[in-house]
Amino acid sequence: MTSQSSWYQAARNWRMRAEEARAHADEMKEAEPKAIMLRIAADYDKLADWAEKNSTPFWRTKNPIFPSK
């Protein structure tokens, strides 16, 4: 997972994981586990930010499914 287009997909996945972690945190009653889940969500967002800065969206890469002739 080192290509720039792979990082773009990874960023999307990490954003979804951050959203899931925040949703779990919203359901928690105890302060400490809730804070931990929110930190996890923030860390996923940081990973996504980094990946977005180091990625190329798939539409800017050569399409391996339909190679140019």
C-alpha atoms as a PDB file:
ATOM      1  CA  MET A   1       0.000   0.000   0.000  1.00  0.00           C
ATOM      2  CA  THR A   2       2.596   2.509  -1.039  1.00  0.00           C
ATOM      3  CA  SER A   3       1.250   4.017  -4.242  1.00  0.00           C
ATOM      4  CA  GLN A   4      -0.288   7.467  -4.135  1.00  0.00           C
ATOM      5  CA  SER A   5      -3.673   6.151  -5.267  1.00  0.00           C
ATOM      6  CA  SER A   6      -3.560   3.551  -2.472  1.00  0.00           C
ATOM      7  CA  TRP A   7      -3.073   6.323   0.080  1.00  0.00           C
ATOM      8  CA  TYR A   8      -6.166   8.053  -1.288  1.00  0.00           C
ATOM      9  CA  GLN A   9      -8.244   4.930  -0.584  1.00  0.00           C
ATOM     10  CA  ALA A  10      -6.630   4.526   2.831  1.00  0.00           C
ATOM     11  CA  ALA A  11      -7.612   8.093   3.721  1.00  0.00           C
ATOM     12  CA  ARG A  12     -11.239   7.354   2.899  1.00  0.00           C
ATOM     13  CA  ASN A  13     -11.139   4.195   5.029  1.00  0.00           C
ATOM     14  CA  TRP A  14      -9.588   6.033   7.980  1.00  0.00           C
ATOM     15  CA  ARG A  15     -12.244   8.760   7.765  1.00  0.00           C
ATOM     16  CA  MET A  16     -14.945   6.090   7.973  1.00  0.00           C
ATOM     17  CA  ARG A  17     -13.237   4.490  10.973  1.00  0.00           C
ATOM     18  CA  ALA A  18     -13.052   7.888  12.672  1.00  0.00           C
ATOM     19  CA  GLU A  19     -16.790   8.356  12.159  1.00  0.00           C
ATOM     20  CA  GLU A  20     -17.468   4.888  13.598  1.00  0.00           C
ATOM     21  CA  ALA A  21     -15.298   5.601  16.643  1.00  0.00           C
ATOM     22  CA  ARG A  22     -17.174   8.862  17.270  1.00  0.00           C
ATOM     23  CA  ALA A  23     -20.500   7.035  16.963  1.00  0.00           C
ATOM     24  CA  HIS A  24     -19.348   4.479  19.553  1.00  0.00           C
ATOM     25  CA  ALA A  25     -18.172   7.294  21.818  1.00  0.00           C
ATOM     26  CA  ASP A  26     -21.598   8.940  21.616  1.00  0.00           C
ATOM     27  CA  GLU A  27     -23.161   5.759  22.982  1.00  0.00           C
ATOM     28  CA  MET A  28     -20.791   5.512  25.951  1.00  0.00           C
ATOM     29  CA  LYS A  29     -21.804   6.706  29.395  1.00  0.00           C
ATOM     30  CA  GLU A  30     -18.459   6.499  31.188  1.00  0.00           C
ATOM     31  CA  ALA A  31     -16.156   9.491  30.694  1.00  0.00           C
ATOM     32  CA  GLU A  32     -12.823   7.651  30.412  1.00  0.00           C
ATOM     33  CA  PRO A  33     -13.765   5.117  27.697  1.00  0.00           C
ATOM     34  CA  LYS A  34     -15.602   7.876  25.815  1.00  0.00           C
ATOM     35  CA  ALA A  35     -12.471  10.059  25.887  1.00  0.00           C
ATOM     36  CA  ILE A  36     -10.363   7.130  24.661  1.00  0.00           C
ATOM     37  CA  MET A  37     -12.709   6.528  21.716  1.00  0.00           C
ATOM     38  CA  LEU A  38     -12.637  10.215  20.816  1.00  0.00           C
ATOM     39  CA  ARG A  39      -8.819  10.162  20.849  1.00  0.00           C
ATOM     40  CA  ILE A  40      -8.893   7.113  18.591  1.00  0.00           C
ATOM     41  CA  ALA A  41     -11.200   8.999  16.208  1.00  0.00           C
ATOM     42  CA  ALA A  42      -8.854  11.991  16.258  1.00  0.00           C
ATOM     43  CA  ASP A  43      -5.892   9.729  15.480  1.00  0.00           C
ATOM     44  CA  TYR A  44      -7.759   8.189  12.524  1.00  0.00           C
ATOM     45  CA  ASP A  45      -8.422  11.727  11.275  1.00  0.00           C
ATOM     46  CA  LYS A  46      -4.707  12.528  11.559  1.00  0.00           C
ATOM     47  CA  LEU A  47      -3.861   9.409   9.548  1.00  0.00           C
ATOM     48  CA  ALA A  48      -6.417  10.416   6.918  1.00  0.00           C
ATOM     49  CA  ASP A  49      -5.024  13.966   6.767  1.00  0.00           C
ATOM     50  CA  TRP A  50      -1.519  12.616   6.196  1.00  0.00           C
ATOM     51  CA  ALA A  51      -2.697  10.158   3.551  1.00  0.00           C
ATOM     52  CA  GLU A  52      -4.660  12.850   1.703  1.00  0.00           C
ATOM     53  CA  LYS A  53      -1.561  15.040   1.533  1.00  0.00           C
ATOM     54  CA  ASN A  54       0.425  12.131   0.081  1.00  0.00           C
ATOM     55  CA  SER A  55      -2.130  10.745  -2.332  1.00  0.00           C
ATOM     56  CA  THR A  56      -3.384  11.043  -5.868  1.00  0.00           C
ATOM     57  CA  PRO A  57      -7.103  10.453  -6.490  1.00  0.00           C
ATOM     58  CA  PHE A  58      -7.792   7.508  -8.803  1.00  0.00           C
ATOM     59  CA  TRP A  59      -9.170   9.788 -11.524  1.00  0.00           C
ATOM     60  CA  ARG A  60      -5.742  11.406 -11.869  1.00  0.00           C
ATOM     61  CA  THR A  61      -3.974   8.099 -12.456  1.00  0.00           C
ATOM     62  CA  LYS A  62      -3.888   5.884 -15.492  1.00  0.00           C
ATOM     63  CA  ASN A  63      -6.893   3.608 -15.465  1.00  0.00           C
ATOM     64  CA  PRO A  64      -5.651  -0.011 -15.419  1.00  0.00           C
ATOM     65  CA  ILE A  65      -9.113  -1.323 -16.303  1.00  0.00           C
ATOM     66  CA  PHE A  66      -9.339   0.639 -19.555  1.00  0.00           C
ATOM     67  CA  PRO A  67      -5.781   1.107 -20.816  1.00  0.00           C
ATOM     68  CA  SER A  68      -5.286   3.718 -23.480  1.00  0.00           C
ATOM     69  CA  LYS A  69      -4.673   2.403 -26.983  1.00  0.00           C
END
